[in-house]
Amino acid sequence: MGHGVDGRTTPAAHLDADAAATIAATLQALATPSRLMILTRLRQGPCPVGELAEAVGMEQSAVSHQLRLLRALGLVTGCRQGRRIVYSLYDTHVAQLLDEAVYHIEHLRLGARDLPPGTAEAEESEEAAEAGESGGTGAGAEPLSR
């Protein structure tokens, strides 16, 4: 998914307490529907506070409050344009977090699983899918494409 850090293409296998706390704070920020609506609107492109408030159906002061928190967590950034500040997602990682959450919920809704290759469950699922293609009684949800 990401570019990796220190040459790694996957995250470290073990988190220290500080990293775990930082990740937990970020995920807590994503656990509020109003913040998710703000982030989802910003996923479409930069937007000033007034337009954001209208788009998500909130008071401008409430949106500003949420944006301060999202900014402090590095999820959004603001750029002054004249007398107003236009907000956008901090970077593509924030968009990927949102996308992955949506994909995961869609998979849950459909009963589909995207298992890592090489696991016993992935191999069983693949065998069941092949049996279904060859006229067997294998059942399973079609995997979603991105």
Protein backbone atom coordinates (compact mmCIF):
# COMPACT_ATOMS: atom_id res chain seq x y z
CA MET A 1 0.00 0.00 0.00
CA GLY A 2 2.47 2.67 1.06
CA HIS A 3 5.94 3.65 0.03
CA GLY A 4 7.53 2.04 3.08
CA VAL A 5 9.90 3.52 5.59
CA ASP A 6 13.62 2.85 5.83
CA GLY A 7 13.41 0.68 2.71
CA ARG A 8 10.63 -1.55 4.12
CA THR A 9 7.57 -2.14 2.00
CA THR A 10 5.51 -3.43 4.94
CA PRO A 11 5.12 -1.98 8.43
CA ALA A 12 7.28 -3.17 11.28
CA ALA A 13 6.04 -6.44 12.80
CA HIS A 14 6.15 -4.99 16.31
CA LEU A 15 4.96 -1.60 17.54
CA ASP A 16 6.49 0.14 20.51
CA ALA A 17 4.20 1.88 23.00
CA ASP A 18 4.71 5.36 21.49
CA ALA A 19 3.93 4.21 17.95
CA ALA A 20 0.88 2.28 19.18
CA ALA A 21 -0.41 5.37 21.03
CA THR A 22 0.05 7.57 17.95
CA ILE A 23 -1.73 5.07 15.70
CA ALA A 24 -4.55 4.70 18.25
CA ALA A 25 -5.03 8.49 18.35
CA THR A 26 -5.25 8.59 14.56
CA LEU A 27 -7.76 5.75 14.46
CA GLN A 28 -9.82 7.42 17.21
CA ALA A 29 -9.97 10.54 15.06
CA LEU A 30 -11.43 8.38 12.29
CA ALA A 31 -14.00 6.90 14.68
CA THR A 32 -16.27 9.97 14.56
CA PRO A 33 -18.85 10.14 11.75
CA SER A 34 -18.57 13.94 11.42
CA ARG A 35 -14.79 13.73 10.96
CA LEU A 36 -15.18 10.94 8.43
CA MET A 37 -17.67 13.04 6.48
CA ILE A 38 -15.22 15.97 6.50
CA LEU A 39 -12.34 13.75 5.38
CA THR A 40 -14.47 12.10 2.71
CA ARG A 41 -15.45 15.51 1.33
CA LEU A 42 -11.78 16.55 1.33
CA ARG A 43 -11.01 13.28 -0.47
CA GLN A 44 -12.80 14.86 -3.45
CA GLY A 45 -10.54 17.94 -3.34
CA PRO A 46 -9.56 21.03 -1.34
CA CYS A 47 -12.35 23.03 0.27
CA PRO A 48 -12.78 26.10 2.51
CA VAL A 49 -14.53 25.76 5.88
CA GLY A 50 -17.81 27.32 4.74
CA GLU A 51 -18.20 24.90 1.84
CA LEU A 52 -17.16 21.99 4.05
CA ALA A 53 -19.82 22.94 6.61
CA GLU A 54 -22.48 23.06 3.92
CA ALA A 55 -21.34 19.78 2.36
CA VAL A 56 -21.45 17.83 5.64
CA GLY A 57 -24.48 19.60 7.15
CA MET A 58 -22.71 21.04 10.18
CA GLU A 59 -22.23 24.50 11.66
CA GLN A 60 -19.07 26.23 10.48
CA SER A 61 -17.78 26.53 14.08
CA ALA A 62 -18.20 22.77 14.59
CA VAL A 63 -16.33 22.02 11.35
CA SER A 64 -13.54 24.40 12.38
CA HIS A 65 -13.25 22.59 15.71
CA GLN A 66 -12.99 19.20 13.97
CA LEU A 67 -10.45 20.56 11.48
CA ARG A 68 -8.20 21.76 14.32
CA LEU A 69 -8.11 18.22 15.70
CA LEU A 70 -7.57 16.65 12.27
CA ARG A 71 -4.78 19.14 11.60
CA ALA A 72 -3.08 18.39 14.91
CA LEU A 73 -3.08 14.68 14.00
CA GLY A 74 -1.60 15.34 10.56
CA LEU A 75 -4.68 14.22 8.64
CA VAL A 76 -5.49 17.57 7.00
CA THR A 77 -3.59 20.69 6.09
CA GLY A 78 -4.70 24.24 5.44
CA CYS A 79 -3.45 26.74 2.91
CA ARG A 80 -4.31 30.43 3.22
CA GLN A 81 -5.85 31.92 0.10
CA GLY A 82 -6.53 35.58 0.75
CA ARG A 83 -8.81 35.86 3.78
CA ARG A 84 -9.79 32.20 3.88
CA ILE A 85 -8.09 28.89 4.55
CA VAL A 86 -8.62 26.06 2.10
CA TYR A 87 -8.26 22.60 3.62
CA SER A 88 -7.12 19.39 1.98
CA LEU A 89 -6.03 15.92 3.00
CA TYR A 90 -2.48 15.93 4.32
CA ASP A 91 -1.28 13.38 1.75
CA THR A 92 -2.26 10.28 -0.19
CA HIS A 93 -1.88 8.09 2.91
CA VAL A 94 -4.99 9.70 4.41
CA ALA A 95 -6.92 8.97 1.22
CA GLN A 96 -5.67 5.37 1.35
CA LEU A 97 -6.83 5.02 4.98
CA LEU A 98 -10.31 6.16 3.96
CA ASP A 99 -10.36 3.93 0.89
CA GLU A 100 -9.24 0.86 2.84
CA ALA A 101 -11.91 1.45 5.49
CA VAL A 102 -14.58 1.65 2.78
CA TYR A 103 -13.24 -1.49 1.04
CA HIS A 104 -13.19 -3.36 4.34
CA ILE A 105 -16.80 -2.46 5.18
CA GLU A 106 -17.86 -3.41 1.65
CA HIS A 107 -16.10 -6.78 2.02
CA LEU A 108 -17.83 -7.37 5.35
CA ARG A 109 -21.20 -6.50 3.84
CA LEU A 110 -20.63 -8.95 0.99
CA GLY A 111 -19.07 -11.65 3.14
CA ALA A 112 -15.89 -11.49 1.05
CA ARG A 113 -12.39 -11.87 2.46
CA ASP A 114 -9.12 -10.69 1.00
CA LEU A 115 -6.69 -13.11 2.62
CA PRO A 116 -2.91 -12.87 2.45
CA PRO A 117 -1.45 -15.35 -0.07
CA GLY A 118 0.14 -18.45 1.37
CA THR A 119 -2.19 -18.78 4.35
CA ALA A 120 -4.14 -21.98 4.81
CA GLU A 121 -7.43 -20.07 4.67
CA ALA A 122 -6.46 -18.39 1.38
CA GLU A 123 -5.58 -21.75 -0.18
CA GLU A 124 -8.87 -23.30 1.02
CA SER A 125 -10.78 -20.33 -0.36
CA GLU A 126 -8.98 -20.62 -3.72
CA GLU A 127 -9.71 -24.36 -3.89
CA ALA A 128 -13.38 -23.73 -3.13
CA ALA A 129 -13.54 -21.06 -5.84
CA GLU A 130 -11.93 -23.41 -8.37
CA ALA A 131 -14.39 -26.16 -7.44
CA GLY A 132 -17.24 -23.69 -8.00
CA GLU A 133 -15.91 -22.76 -11.44
CA SER A 134 -15.69 -26.40 -12.48
CA GLY A 135 -19.28 -27.10 -11.53
CA GLY A 136 -18.68 -28.07 -7.91
CA THR A 137 -20.75 -26.84 -5.04
CA GLY A 138 -18.18 -24.33 -3.78
CA ALA A 139 -19.81 -21.22 -2.41
CA GLY A 140 -18.23 -17.88 -1.80
CA ALA A 141 -18.49 -14.24 -2.61
CA GLU A 142 -16.81 -12.82 -5.65
CA PRO A 143 -13.76 -10.79 -4.70
CA LEU A 144 -14.14 -7.08 -5.26
CA SER A 145 -11.89 -5.29 -7.67
CA ARG A 146 -10.45 -1.92 -6.84
